[in-house]
């Protein structure tokens, strides 16, 4: 019993101490000179859909939920964001080669078709990020138009 009490006390102290160690937030208020809209046309409704379902993980600006203020959840959220941005960052899209841009657009289309994006762990908490059939169709049509535009240039 003594060992269990000491262990629990130690874990509690570590958890409390961890609350003071904060990672940098994924919030960059600066202008977005490399945003996808600088490469292809992003209509208002498409932008709104991307903002609500994709940008928290795939941009330089995340709307952090309340639970992300608690360690170690904050570390997990930031790790997830970092991995997502490595795959696709809408705010840095212009920095990619045209070939990579096309590849990323196709990857978005594929993940919409197979339902892997937005991921389930995100939509469980962010119910507004669940895409309707209309939104998926709208995004798919935008992707096709964007691919055509990129291939012409």
Protein backbone atom coordinates (compact mmCIF):
# COMPACT_ATOMS: atom_id res chain seq x y z
CA UNK A 1 0.00 0.00 0.00
CA UNK A 2 2.87 2.37 0.84
CA UNK A 3 4.45 1.79 -2.58
CA UNK A 4 1.14 2.45 -4.40
CA UNK A 5 0.61 5.67 -2.43
CA UNK A 6 4.14 6.90 -3.22
CA UNK A 7 3.76 5.99 -6.89
CA UNK A 8 0.43 7.79 -7.22
CA UNK A 9 1.81 10.83 -5.41
CA UNK A 10 4.81 10.85 -7.75
CA UNK A 11 2.59 10.59 -10.84
CA UNK A 12 0.40 13.41 -9.55
CA UNK A 13 3.44 15.64 -8.99
CA UNK A 14 4.79 14.87 -12.46
CA UNK A 15 1.40 15.65 -14.01
CA UNK A 16 1.21 18.96 -12.16
CA UNK A 17 4.78 19.87 -13.13
CA UNK A 18 4.02 18.99 -16.77
CA UNK A 19 1.33 21.70 -16.88
CA UNK A 20 4.10 24.31 -16.74
CA UNK A 21 5.90 22.94 -19.79
CA UNK A 22 4.13 24.38 -22.84
CA UNK A 23 4.88 23.76 -26.47
CA UNK A 24 4.56 26.61 -28.93
CA UNK A 25 1.05 26.97 -30.32
CA UNK A 26 0.40 26.53 -34.03
CA UNK A 27 -0.81 30.09 -34.58
CA UNK A 28 0.88 32.34 -37.10
CA UNK A 29 -1.06 35.59 -37.56
CA UNK A 30 1.19 36.83 -40.37
CA UNK A 31 0.11 37.18 -43.96
CA UNK A 32 -0.04 33.97 -45.97
CA UNK A 33 2.04 34.61 -49.09
CA UNK A 34 2.29 30.87 -49.82
CA UNK A 35 -1.36 29.97 -49.20
CA UNK A 36 -3.08 27.66 -51.66
CA UNK A 37 -5.25 30.58 -52.80
CA UNK A 38 -2.08 32.14 -54.31
CA UNK A 39 -1.82 29.11 -56.60
CA UNK A 40 -5.42 28.19 -57.44
CA UNK A 41 -8.77 29.89 -57.05
CA UNK A 42 -10.43 28.97 -53.74
CA UNK A 43 -14.09 30.00 -53.80
CA UNK A 44 -15.61 31.27 -50.57
CA UNK A 45 -17.69 28.17 -49.80
CA UNK A 46 -14.74 25.85 -50.48
CA UNK A 47 -12.56 27.98 -48.23
CA UNK A 48 -15.20 27.82 -45.48
CA UNK A 49 -15.35 24.04 -45.75
CA UNK A 50 -11.57 23.69 -45.70
CA UNK A 51 -11.41 26.03 -42.71
CA UNK A 52 -13.92 24.05 -40.64
CA UNK A 53 -12.72 20.55 -41.57
CA UNK A 54 -9.03 20.78 -42.48
CA UNK A 55 -7.20 23.90 -41.33
CA UNK A 56 -6.87 23.01 -37.64
CA UNK A 57 -4.34 20.35 -38.61
CA UNK A 58 -3.29 21.34 -42.14
CA UNK A 59 -2.47 25.04 -41.77
CA UNK A 60 -0.38 27.39 -39.65
CA UNK A 61 -3.40 28.40 -37.57
CA UNK A 62 -5.12 25.97 -35.24
CA UNK A 63 -8.25 26.58 -33.19
CA UNK A 64 -7.22 24.78 -30.04
CA UNK A 65 -10.00 23.12 -28.02
CA UNK A 66 -10.07 23.51 -24.24
CA UNK A 67 -8.62 20.05 -23.60
CA UNK A 68 -5.48 20.93 -25.56
CA UNK A 69 -4.49 23.17 -22.65
CA UNK A 70 -3.96 20.11 -20.45
CA UNK A 71 -0.71 18.16 -20.57
CA UNK A 72 -0.05 15.59 -21.96
CA UNK A 73 -3.04 16.11 -24.29
CA UNK A 74 -1.41 19.30 -25.60
CA UNK A 75 1.68 17.34 -26.57
CA UNK A 76 -0.43 14.76 -28.40
CA UNK A 77 -2.45 17.41 -30.26
CA UNK A 78 0.72 19.25 -31.32
CA UNK A 79 2.37 16.01 -32.43
CA UNK A 80 -0.67 15.25 -34.57
CA UNK A 81 -0.67 18.76 -36.07
CA UNK A 82 3.03 18.57 -36.87
CA UNK A 83 2.55 15.25 -38.69
CA UNK A 84 -0.49 16.56 -40.57
CA UNK A 85 1.34 19.70 -41.69
CA UNK A 86 4.24 17.59 -42.94
CA UNK A 87 1.78 15.89 -45.31
CA UNK A 88 -0.18 18.98 -46.35
CA UNK A 89 -0.07 22.58 -45.21
CA UNK A 90 -2.51 24.84 -47.04
CA UNK A 91 -0.57 27.90 -45.84
CA UNK A 92 2.66 26.63 -47.47
CA UNK A 93 1.15 25.10 -50.62
CA UNK A 94 2.83 27.58 -52.99
CA UNK A 95 6.27 26.41 -51.80
CA UNK A 96 5.72 22.96 -53.32
CA UNK A 97 6.60 22.06 -56.89
CA UNK A 98 3.71 21.86 -59.35
CA UNK A 99 4.07 18.07 -59.38
CA UNK A 100 3.80 17.92 -55.61
CA UNK A 101 0.85 20.33 -55.62
CA UNK A 102 -0.99 18.06 -58.05
CA UNK A 103 -0.12 15.05 -55.95
CA UNK A 104 -1.49 16.72 -52.83
CA UNK A 105 -4.71 17.69 -54.57
CA UNK A 106 -5.14 14.07 -55.71
CA UNK A 107 -4.44 12.87 -52.17
CA UNK A 108 -7.17 15.19 -50.86
CA UNK A 109 -9.56 13.82 -53.45
CA UNK A 110 -8.68 10.22 -52.57
CA UNK A 111 -9.13 10.81 -48.86
CA UNK A 112 -12.52 12.40 -49.52
CA UNK A 113 -13.56 9.40 -51.61
CA UNK A 114 -12.45 6.80 -49.10
CA UNK A 115 -13.61 8.81 -46.09
CA UNK A 116 -10.25 8.96 -44.31
CA UNK A 117 -10.34 12.73 -43.95
CA UNK A 118 -11.16 14.39 -41.73
CA UNK A 119 -10.03 11.65 -39.38
CA UNK A 120 -12.51 10.05 -37.03
CA UNK A 121 -10.67 11.07 -33.85
CA UNK A 122 -11.07 14.70 -34.96
CA UNK A 123 -14.72 14.49 -36.00
CA UNK A 124 -15.68 12.74 -32.75
CA UNK A 125 -15.01 16.01 -30.95
CA UNK A 126 -15.45 18.49 -33.81
CA UNK A 127 -18.84 17.43 -35.12
CA UNK A 128 -19.01 20.44 -37.45
CA UNK A 129 -16.05 19.02 -39.38
CA UNK A 130 -18.09 16.08 -40.65
CA UNK A 131 -18.52 16.77 -44.35
CA UNK A 132 -21.91 16.46 -46.01
CA UNK A 133 -22.27 14.81 -49.42
CA UNK A 134 -22.75 18.26 -50.91
CA UNK A 135 -19.52 19.56 -49.33
CA UNK A 136 -17.58 16.51 -50.51
CA UNK A 137 -18.94 16.96 -54.03
CA UNK A 138 -18.10 20.66 -53.94
CA UNK A 139 -14.54 19.94 -52.79
CA UNK A 140 -14.10 17.21 -55.40
CA UNK A 141 -15.26 19.55 -58.18
CA UNK A 142 -12.94 22.28 -56.89
CA UNK A 143 -10.02 19.85 -56.85
CA UNK A 144 -10.67 18.80 -60.45
CA UNK A 145 -10.86 22.45 -61.54
CA UNK A 146 -7.68 23.23 -59.60
CA UNK A 147 -5.83 20.28 -61.15
CA UNK A 148 -6.84 21.45 -64.62
CA UNK A 149 -5.67 24.97 -63.80
CA UNK A 150 -2.31 23.73 -62.53
CA UNK A 151 -1.79 21.45 -65.53
CA UNK A 152 -2.39 24.35 -67.95
CA UNK A 153 0.18 26.59 -66.28
